[in-house]
Amino acid sequence: MTDLTLPMVTSLAIADSVNPCALAVLFMILISIMIYNPNKKSKVLLAGLAFTFSVFLMYLVYGAVIITLFTSVNNTLSSISPYIYKGFGAFAIILGLLGIKDYLWYKPGTIGTEMPLMLRPKVKRILSEVTSIKGACIAGIFVTLFLLPCTIGPYLIFGSIISQNLNLADKITAIKDVFPWLLYYNFIFVLPMIAITLLVYFGITSVENAQQWKDRNIKVLHLIAGIILVILGIAMFGGWV
């Protein structure tokens, strides 16, 4: 397996976590819960955490599937796996350039960096009906499917790196090698969701103010993710990681 480093995984996870569409769905959940439970801040806290936990679990599953598929391809097509790896390096560069483009010439719904516009009404409809903690948990499971178009890019790159030279025949060793990194990556991914939920619960900010901050800084968030992905993509393509 390609040697992973903490800065490498942290950088990819941060690029994923600052994606505006992941934050937007959390805001929708919190607003919906607050409308139906205006005087019960504990429900807002638990619903936000339940939603975040569901997203965390589902992305663990997606990560395991991605890594298994990539490892199978690498083991089957070992002669061309270095070229596949370079291909993901090029993919990271393209994805990063799209993020930088969104900073310079922002357009909502860019494929690969934001949720496509055609999916947004469906997501809003699902989330607007959430009134309970259980509903938030269930919504988190389904909404991850709509988040994939805008959050899957860095995760695919992470999967391509971690799957290099991984041997699925020794399943116990493979799990020991992969699972801690999956847990860490996804913890970083959902960390902003946890932080926003806690900030709202303790009254440090409101959902509206947090959403306005996201809207004001949406281009900067795209720039941060874009720069990280371009740098990492160049390193992958050049064989330095």
C-alpha atoms as a PDB file:
ATOM      1  CA  MET A   1       0.000   0.000   0.000  1.00  0.00           C
ATOM      2  CA  THR A   2       1.234   3.478  -0.831  1.00  0.00           C
ATOM      3  CA  ASP A   3       2.464   5.073   2.373  1.00  0.00           C
ATOM      4  CA  LEU A   4      -0.218   7.416   3.598  1.00  0.00           C
ATOM      5  CA  THR A   5       0.699  10.360   5.755  1.00  0.00           C
ATOM      6  CA  LEU A   6      -1.433  12.313   8.176  1.00  0.00           C
ATOM      7  CA  PRO A   7      -1.025  15.596   6.242  1.00  0.00           C
ATOM      8  CA  MET A   8      -2.033  13.875   2.977  1.00  0.00           C
ATOM      9  CA  VAL A   9      -5.232  12.351   4.353  1.00  0.00           C
ATOM     10  CA  THR A  10      -6.048  15.457   6.383  1.00  0.00           C
ATOM     11  CA  SER A  11      -5.681  17.662   3.308  1.00  0.00           C
ATOM     12  CA  LEU A  12      -8.030  15.511   1.232  1.00  0.00           C
ATOM     13  CA  ALA A  13     -10.570  15.286   4.048  1.00  0.00           C
ATOM     14  CA  ILE A  14     -10.487  19.062   4.551  1.00  0.00           C
ATOM     15  CA  ALA A  15     -10.996  19.599   0.817  1.00  0.00           C
ATOM     16  CA  ASP A  16     -14.070  17.373   1.124  1.00  0.00           C
ATOM     17  CA  SER A  17     -15.370  18.835   4.388  1.00  0.00           C
ATOM     18  CA  VAL A  18     -15.441  22.469   3.248  1.00  0.00           C
ATOM     19  CA  ASN A  19     -17.696  21.575   0.330  1.00  0.00           C
ATOM     20  CA  PRO A  20     -20.632  24.019   0.518  1.00  0.00           C
ATOM     21  CA  CYS A  21     -23.265  21.454  -0.456  1.00  0.00           C
ATOM     22  CA  ALA A  22     -22.501  19.242   2.551  1.00  0.00           C
ATOM     23  CA  LEU A  23     -22.960  22.245   4.849  1.00  0.00           C
ATOM     24  CA  ALA A  24     -26.104  23.393   3.031  1.00  0.00           C
ATOM     25  CA  VAL A  25     -27.996  20.171   3.729  1.00  0.00           C
ATOM     26  CA  LEU A  26     -27.157  20.417   7.431  1.00  0.00           C
ATOM     27  CA  PHE A  27     -28.568  23.953   7.530  1.00  0.00           C
ATOM     28  CA  MET A  28     -31.791  22.683   5.929  1.00  0.00           C
ATOM     29  CA  ILE A  29     -32.112  19.956   8.569  1.00  0.00           C
ATOM     30  CA  LEU A  30     -31.529  22.358  11.468  1.00  0.00           C
ATOM     31  CA  ILE A  31     -33.959  24.941  10.094  1.00  0.00           C
ATOM     32  CA  SER A  32     -36.654  22.294   9.606  1.00  0.00           C
ATOM     33  CA  ILE A  33     -36.204  20.967  13.147  1.00  0.00           C
ATOM     34  CA  MET A  34     -36.276  24.489  14.612  1.00  0.00           C
ATOM     35  CA  ILE A  35     -39.512  25.335  12.774  1.00  0.00           C
ATOM     36  CA  TYR A  36     -41.297  22.344  14.281  1.00  0.00           C
ATOM     37  CA  ASN A  37     -39.544  22.526  17.674  1.00  0.00           C
ATOM     38  CA  PRO A  38     -38.870  26.250  18.265  1.00  0.00           C
ATOM     39  CA  ASN A  39     -38.393  25.940  22.034  1.00  0.00           C
ATOM     40  CA  LYS A  40     -36.513  22.640  22.162  1.00  0.00           C
ATOM     41  CA  LYS A  41     -32.832  23.290  21.502  1.00  0.00           C
ATOM     42  CA  SER A  42     -31.975  19.789  22.678  1.00  0.00           C
ATOM     43  CA  LYS A  43     -33.881  18.401  19.683  1.00  0.00           C
ATOM     44  CA  VAL A  44     -31.866  20.640  17.375  1.00  0.00           C
ATOM     45  CA  LEU A  45     -28.661  19.283  18.925  1.00  0.00           C
ATOM     46  CA  LEU A  46     -29.698  15.635  18.742  1.00  0.00           C
ATOM     47  CA  ALA A  47     -31.139  15.963  15.232  1.00  0.00           C
ATOM     48  CA  GLY A  48     -27.971  17.629  13.946  1.00  0.00           C
ATOM     49  CA  LEU A  49     -25.781  14.958  15.527  1.00  0.00           C
ATOM     50  CA  ALA A  50     -28.064  12.145  14.316  1.00  0.00           C
ATOM     51  CA  PHE A  51     -27.938  13.482  10.767  1.00  0.00           C
ATOM     52  CA  THR A  52     -24.150  13.855  10.956  1.00  0.00           C
ATOM     53  CA  PHE A  53     -23.730  10.336  12.361  1.00  0.00           C
ATOM     54  CA  SER A  54     -25.802   8.866   9.518  1.00  0.00           C
ATOM     55  CA  VAL A  55     -23.685  10.705   6.951  1.00  0.00           C
ATOM     56  CA  PHE A  56     -20.544   9.448   8.719  1.00  0.00           C
ATOM     57  CA  LEU A  57     -21.705   5.816   8.643  1.00  0.00           C
ATOM     58  CA  MET A  58     -22.835   5.923   5.021  1.00  0.00           C
ATOM     59  CA  TYR A  59     -19.554   7.444   3.893  1.00  0.00           C
ATOM     60  CA  LEU A  60     -17.699   4.686   5.734  1.00  0.00           C
ATOM     61  CA  VAL A  61     -19.667   2.191   3.645  1.00  0.00           C
ATOM     62  CA  TYR A  62     -18.992   4.103   0.424  1.00  0.00           C
ATOM     63  CA  GLY A  63     -15.300   4.277   1.305  1.00  0.00           C
ATOM     64  CA  ALA A  64     -15.079   0.537   1.903  1.00  0.00           C
ATOM     65  CA  VAL A  65     -16.764  -0.135  -1.455  1.00  0.00           C
ATOM     66  CA  ILE A  66     -14.496   2.322  -3.300  1.00  0.00           C
ATOM     67  CA  ILE A  67     -11.319   0.875  -1.796  1.00  0.00           C
ATOM     68  CA  THR A  68     -12.425  -2.722  -2.467  1.00  0.00           C
ATOM     69  CA  LEU A  69     -13.204  -1.934  -6.117  1.00  0.00           C
ATOM     70  CA  PHE A  70      -9.972  -0.028  -6.666  1.00  0.00           C
ATOM     71  CA  THR A  71      -7.912  -2.749  -4.996  1.00  0.00           C
ATOM     72  CA  SER A  72      -9.550  -5.449  -7.143  1.00  0.00           C
ATOM     73  CA  VAL A  73      -8.793  -3.444 -10.291  1.00  0.00           C
ATOM     74  CA  ASN A  74      -5.194  -2.853  -9.206  1.00  0.00           C
ATOM     75  CA  ASN A  75      -4.661  -6.557  -8.431  1.00  0.00           C
ATOM     76  CA  THR A  76      -6.285  -7.674 -11.703  1.00  0.00           C
ATOM     77  CA  LEU A  77      -4.649  -5.051 -13.913  1.00  0.00           C
ATOM     78  CA  SER A  78      -1.384  -4.684 -12.046  1.00  0.00           C
ATOM     79  CA  SER A  79       0.558  -3.852 -15.218  1.00  0.00           C
ATOM     80  CA  ILE A  80      -1.444  -0.688 -15.824  1.00  0.00           C
ATOM     81  CA  SER A  81      -2.232   0.265 -12.209  1.00  0.00           C
ATOM     82  CA  PRO A  82       0.505   2.966 -12.202  1.00  0.00           C
ATOM     83  CA  TYR A  83      -1.227   4.626 -15.151  1.00  0.00           C
ATOM     84  CA  ILE A  84      -4.593   4.383 -13.399  1.00  0.00           C
ATOM     85  CA  TYR A  85      -3.004   6.072 -10.397  1.00  0.00           C
ATOM     86  CA  LYS A  86      -1.648   8.860 -12.591  1.00  0.00           C
ATOM     87  CA  GLY A  87      -5.108   9.145 -14.090  1.00  0.00           C
ATOM     88  CA  PHE A  88      -6.498   9.894 -10.646  1.00  0.00           C
ATOM     89  CA  GLY A  89      -3.728  12.433 -10.210  1.00  0.00           C
ATOM     90  CA  ALA A  90      -4.953  14.145 -13.366  1.00  0.00           C
ATOM     91  CA  PHE A  91      -8.527  13.865 -12.072  1.00  0.00           C
ATOM     92  CA  ALA A  92      -7.496  15.616  -8.850  1.00  0.00           C
ATOM     93  CA  ILE A  93      -5.917  18.437 -10.856  1.00  0.00           C
ATOM     94  CA  ILE A  94      -9.062  18.867 -12.973  1.00  0.00           C
ATOM     95  CA  LEU A  95     -11.277  18.823  -9.877  1.00  0.00           C
ATOM     96  CA  GLY A  96      -9.011  21.358  -8.200  1.00  0.00           C
ATOM     97  CA  LEU A  97      -9.080  23.633 -11.231  1.00  0.00           C
ATOM     98  CA  LEU A  98     -12.890  23.498 -11.185  1.00  0.00           C
ATOM     99  CA  GLY A  99     -12.783  24.652  -7.575  1.00  0.00           C
ATOM    100  CA  ILE A 100     -10.441  27.516  -8.457  1.00  0.00           C
ATOM    101  CA  LYS A 101     -12.718  28.372 -11.387  1.00  0.00           C
ATOM    102  CA  ASP A 102     -15.619  28.630  -8.942  1.00  0.00           C
ATOM    103  CA  TYR A 103     -13.605  31.159  -6.966  1.00  0.00           C
ATOM    104  CA  LEU A 104     -12.869  33.278 -10.031  1.00  0.00           C
ATOM    105  CA  TRP A 105     -16.150  32.795 -11.932  1.00  0.00           C
ATOM    106  CA  TYR A 106     -18.705  31.342  -9.564  1.00  0.00           C
ATOM    107  CA  LYS A 107     -21.654  29.451 -11.022  1.00  0.00           C
ATOM    108  CA  PRO A 108     -23.982  27.467  -8.716  1.00  0.00           C
ATOM    109  CA  GLY A 109     -24.316  23.753  -9.387  1.00  0.00           C
ATOM    110  CA  THR A 110     -20.940  23.044 -11.010  1.00  0.00           C
ATOM    111  CA  ILE A 111     -20.619  19.266 -11.411  1.00  0.00           C
ATOM    112  CA  GLY A 112     -17.884  17.934  -9.134  1.00  0.00           C
ATOM    113  CA  THR A 113     -17.835  20.906  -6.767  1.00  0.00           C
ATOM    114  CA  GLU A 114     -21.500  21.492  -5.918  1.00  0.00           C
ATOM    115  CA  MET A 115     -24.786  19.636  -5.909  1.00  0.00           C
ATOM    116  CA  PRO A 116     -26.324  19.821  -9.421  1.00  0.00           C
ATOM    117  CA  LEU A 117     -29.222  22.280  -9.583  1.00  0.00           C
ATOM    118  CA  MET A 118     -31.655  19.607 -10.770  1.00  0.00           C
ATOM    119  CA  LEU A 119     -31.164  17.617  -7.535  1.00  0.00           C
ATOM    120  CA  ARG A 120     -31.683  20.512  -5.132  1.00  0.00           C
ATOM    121  CA  PRO A 121     -35.518  20.636  -5.182  1.00  0.00           C
ATOM    122  CA  LYS A 122     -35.660  16.912  -4.328  1.00  0.00           C
ATOM    123  CA  VAL A 123     -33.240  17.338  -1.426  1.00  0.00           C
ATOM    124  CA  LYS A 124     -35.130  20.376  -0.106  1.00  0.00           C
ATOM    125  CA  ARG A 125     -38.385  18.437  -0.272  1.00  0.00           C
ATOM    126  CA  ILE A 126     -36.926  15.535   1.712  1.00  0.00           C
ATOM    127  CA  LEU A 127     -35.312  17.735   4.349  1.00  0.00           C
ATOM    128  CA  SER A 128     -38.285  20.078   4.770  1.00  0.00           C
ATOM    129  CA  GLU A 129     -40.331  17.121   6.007  1.00  0.00           C
ATOM    130  CA  VAL A 130     -37.870  16.236   8.763  1.00  0.00           C
ATOM    131  CA  THR A 131     -39.442  17.009  12.148  1.00  0.00           C
ATOM    132  CA  SER A 132     -37.767  14.531  14.494  1.00  0.00           C
ATOM    133  CA  ILE A 133     -34.417  13.081  15.507  1.00  0.00           C
ATOM    134  CA  LYS A 134     -35.332   9.764  13.871  1.00  0.00           C
ATOM    135  CA  GLY A 135     -36.269  11.609  10.690  1.00  0.00           C
ATOM    136  CA  ALA A 136     -32.934  13.428  10.680  1.00  0.00           C
ATOM    137  CA  CYS A 137     -31.117  10.110  11.012  1.00  0.00           C
ATOM    138  CA  ILE A 138     -33.056   8.548   8.127  1.00  0.00           C
ATOM    139  CA  ALA A 139     -32.641  11.687   6.005  1.00  0.00           C
ATOM    140  CA  GLY A 140     -28.881  11.517   6.531  1.00  0.00           C
ATOM    141  CA  ILE A 141     -28.833   8.049   4.983  1.00  0.00           C
ATOM    142  CA  PHE A 142     -30.736   9.045   1.849  1.00  0.00           C
ATOM    143  CA  VAL A 143     -29.241  12.500   1.377  1.00  0.00           C
ATOM    144  CA  THR A 144     -25.724  11.061   1.042  1.00  0.00           C
ATOM    145  CA  LEU A 145     -26.758   9.766  -2.380  1.00  0.00           C
ATOM    146  CA  PHE A 146     -27.489  13.343  -3.469  1.00  0.00           C
ATOM    147  CA  LEU A 147     -24.228  14.568  -1.912  1.00  0.00           C
ATOM    148  CA  LEU A 148     -22.077  12.134  -3.885  1.00  0.00           C
ATOM    149  CA  PRO A 149     -21.864  14.232  -7.095  1.00  0.00           C
ATOM    150  CA  CYS A 150     -20.261  17.096  -5.166  1.00  0.00           C
ATOM    151  CA  THR A 151     -18.279  15.255  -2.466  1.00  0.00           C
ATOM    152  CA  ILE A 152     -17.127  12.024  -4.110  1.00  0.00           C
ATOM    153  CA  GLY A 153     -14.117  13.512  -5.942  1.00  0.00           C
ATOM    154  CA  PRO A 154     -11.653  13.804  -3.036  1.00  0.00           C
ATOM    155  CA  TYR A 155     -12.943  10.485  -1.662  1.00  0.00           C
ATOM    156  CA  LEU A 156     -12.151   8.713  -4.944  1.00  0.00           C
ATOM    157  CA  ILE A 157      -8.645  10.171  -4.852  1.00  0.00           C
ATOM    158  CA  PHE A 158      -8.233   9.004  -1.255  1.00  0.00           C
ATOM    159  CA  GLY A 159      -9.434   5.539  -2.292  1.00  0.00           C
ATOM    160  CA  SER A 160      -7.011   5.376  -5.209  1.00  0.00           C
ATOM    161  CA  ILE A 161      -4.073   6.228  -2.941  1.00  0.00           C
ATOM    162  CA  ILE A 162      -4.955   3.833  -0.133  1.00  0.00           C
ATOM    163  CA  SER A 163      -5.684   0.925  -2.507  1.00  0.00           C
ATOM    164  CA  GLN A 164      -2.210   0.886  -4.044  1.00  0.00           C
ATOM    165  CA  ASN A 165      -0.571  -2.494  -3.318  1.00  0.00           C
ATOM    166  CA  LEU A 166      -3.300  -3.405  -0.818  1.00  0.00           C
ATOM    167  CA  ASN A 167      -3.798  -7.174  -0.646  1.00  0.00           C
ATOM    168  CA  LEU A 168      -7.425  -8.207  -0.153  1.00  0.00           C
ATOM    169  CA  ALA A 169      -6.406 -11.861   0.267  1.00  0.00           C
ATOM    170  CA  ASP A 170      -5.225 -11.042   3.787  1.00  0.00           C
ATOM    171  CA  LYS A 171      -8.482  -9.466   4.933  1.00  0.00           C
ATOM    172  CA  ILE A 172      -7.501  -8.940   8.577  1.00  0.00           C
ATOM    173  CA  THR A 173      -4.345  -7.047   7.656  1.00  0.00           C
ATOM    174  CA  ALA A 174      -6.218  -5.081   4.999  1.00  0.00           C
ATOM    175  CA  ILE A 175      -8.860  -4.009   7.524  1.00  0.00           C
ATOM    176  CA  LYS A 176      -6.177  -3.022  10.039  1.00  0.00           C
ATOM    177  CA  ASP A 177      -4.433  -0.956   7.367  1.00  0.00           C
ATOM    178  CA  VAL A 178      -7.514   0.741   5.973  1.00  0.00           C
ATOM    179  CA  PHE A 179     -10.129   1.147   8.698  1.00  0.00           C
ATOM    180  CA  PRO A 180      -8.295   3.671  10.919  1.00  0.00           C
ATOM    181  CA  TRP A 181      -7.705   5.900   7.883  1.00  0.00           C
ATOM    182  CA  LEU A 182     -11.363   5.615   6.866  1.00  0.00           C
ATOM    183  CA  LEU A 183     -12.468   6.591  10.369  1.00  0.00           C
ATOM    184  CA  TYR A 184     -10.073   9.533  10.459  1.00  0.00           C
ATOM    185  CA  TYR A 185     -10.974  10.801   6.974  1.00  0.00           C
ATOM    186  CA  ASN A 186     -14.687  10.710   7.668  1.00  0.00           C
ATOM    187  CA  PHE A 187     -14.318  12.294  11.100  1.00  0.00           C
ATOM    188  CA  ILE A 188     -12.593  15.268   9.460  1.00  0.00           C
ATOM    189  CA  PHE A 189     -15.292  15.270   6.766  1.00  0.00           C
ATOM    190  CA  VAL A 190     -18.153  15.632   9.275  1.00  0.00           C
ATOM    191  CA  LEU A 191     -16.255  17.850  11.743  1.00  0.00           C
ATOM    192  CA  PRO A 192     -17.722  21.121  10.349  1.00  0.00           C
ATOM    193  CA  MET A 193     -21.222  19.630  10.694  1.00  0.00           C
ATOM    194  CA  ILE A 194     -20.540  18.761  14.337  1.00  0.00           C
ATOM    195  CA  ALA A 195     -19.058  22.204  14.994  1.00  0.00           C
ATOM    196  CA  ILE A 196     -22.014  24.061  13.448  1.00  0.00           C
ATOM    197  CA  THR A 197     -24.532  21.941  15.373  1.00  0.00           C
ATOM    198  CA  LEU A 198     -22.752  22.653  18.674  1.00  0.00           C
ATOM    199  CA  LEU A 199     -22.366  26.368  17.934  1.00  0.00           C
ATOM    200  CA  VAL A 200     -26.093  26.657  17.240  1.00  0.00           C
ATOM    201  CA  TYR A 201     -27.030  24.629  20.326  1.00  0.00           C
ATOM    202  CA  PHE A 202     -24.906  26.736  22.685  1.00  0.00           C
ATOM    203  CA  GLY A 203     -26.233  29.956  21.167  1.00  0.00           C
ATOM    204  CA  ILE A 204     -22.862  31.121  19.847  1.00  0.00           C
ATOM    205  CA  THR A 205     -24.430  31.552  16.435  1.00  0.00           C
ATOM    206  CA  SER A 206     -27.739  30.896  14.715  1.00  0.00           C
ATOM    207  CA  VAL A 207     -28.481  28.675  11.739  1.00  0.00           C
ATOM    208  CA  GLU A 208     -29.260  31.781   9.707  1.00  0.00           C
ATOM    209  CA  ASN A 209     -25.948  33.464  10.591  1.00  0.00           C
ATOM    210  CA  ALA A 210     -23.980  30.286   9.866  1.00  0.00           C
ATOM    211  CA  GLN A 211     -25.746  29.934   6.534  1.00  0.00           C
ATOM    212  CA  GLN A 212     -25.036  33.572   5.672  1.00  0.00           C
ATOM    213  CA  TRP A 213     -21.360  33.036   6.542  1.00  0.00           C
ATOM    214  CA  LYS A 214     -21.279  30.038   4.191  1.00  0.00           C
ATOM    215  CA  ASP A 215     -22.921  32.040   1.410  1.00  0.00           C
ATOM    216  CA  ARG A 216     -20.498  34.967   1.859  1.00  0.00           C
ATOM    217  CA  ASN A 217     -17.456  32.706   1.819  1.00  0.00           C
ATOM    218  CA  ILE A 218     -18.582  30.090  -0.689  1.00  0.00           C
ATOM    219  CA  LYS A 219     -15.986  31.143  -3.271  1.00  0.00           C
ATOM    220  CA  VAL A 220     -13.184  31.030  -0.685  1.00  0.00           C
ATOM    221  CA  LEU A 221     -14.250  27.514   0.357  1.00  0.00           C
ATOM    222  CA  HIS A 222     -14.029  26.415  -3.278  1.00  0.00           C
ATOM    223  CA  LEU A 223     -10.590  28.031  -3.567  1.00  0.00           C
ATOM    224  CA  ILE A 224      -9.236  26.226  -0.490  1.00  0.00           C
ATOM    225  CA  ALA A 225     -10.431  22.846  -1.756  1.00  0.00           C
ATOM    226  CA  GLY A 226      -9.198  23.614  -5.275  1.00  0.00           C
ATOM    227  CA  ILE A 227      -5.660  24.512  -4.215  1.00  0.00           C
ATOM    228  CA  ILE A 228      -5.366  21.392  -2.037  1.00  0.00           C
ATOM    229  CA  LEU A 229      -6.529  19.116  -4.863  1.00  0.00           C
ATOM    230  CA  VAL A 230      -4.274  20.694  -7.504  1.00  0.00           C
ATOM    231  CA  ILE A 231      -1.188  20.350  -5.287  1.00  0.00           C
ATOM    232  CA  LEU A 232      -1.999  16.751  -4.383  1.00  0.00           C
ATOM    233  CA  GLY A 233      -2.899  15.893  -7.983  1.00  0.00           C
ATOM    234  CA  ILE A 234       0.438  17.205  -9.248  1.00  0.00           C
ATOM    235  CA  ALA A 235       2.220  15.160  -6.576  1.00  0.00           C
ATOM    236  CA  MET A 236       0.294  12.014  -7.576  1.00  0.00           C
ATOM    237  CA  PHE A 237       0.861  12.549 -11.282  1.00  0.00           C
ATOM    238  CA  GLY A 238       4.558  13.172 -10.682  1.00  0.00           C
ATOM    239  CA  GLY A 239       4.914  10.052  -8.534  1.00  0.00           C
ATOM    240  CA  TRP A 240       5.861  11.950  -5.374  1.00  0.00           C
ATOM    241  CA  VAL A 241       3.033  10.420  -3.350  1.00  0.00           C
END
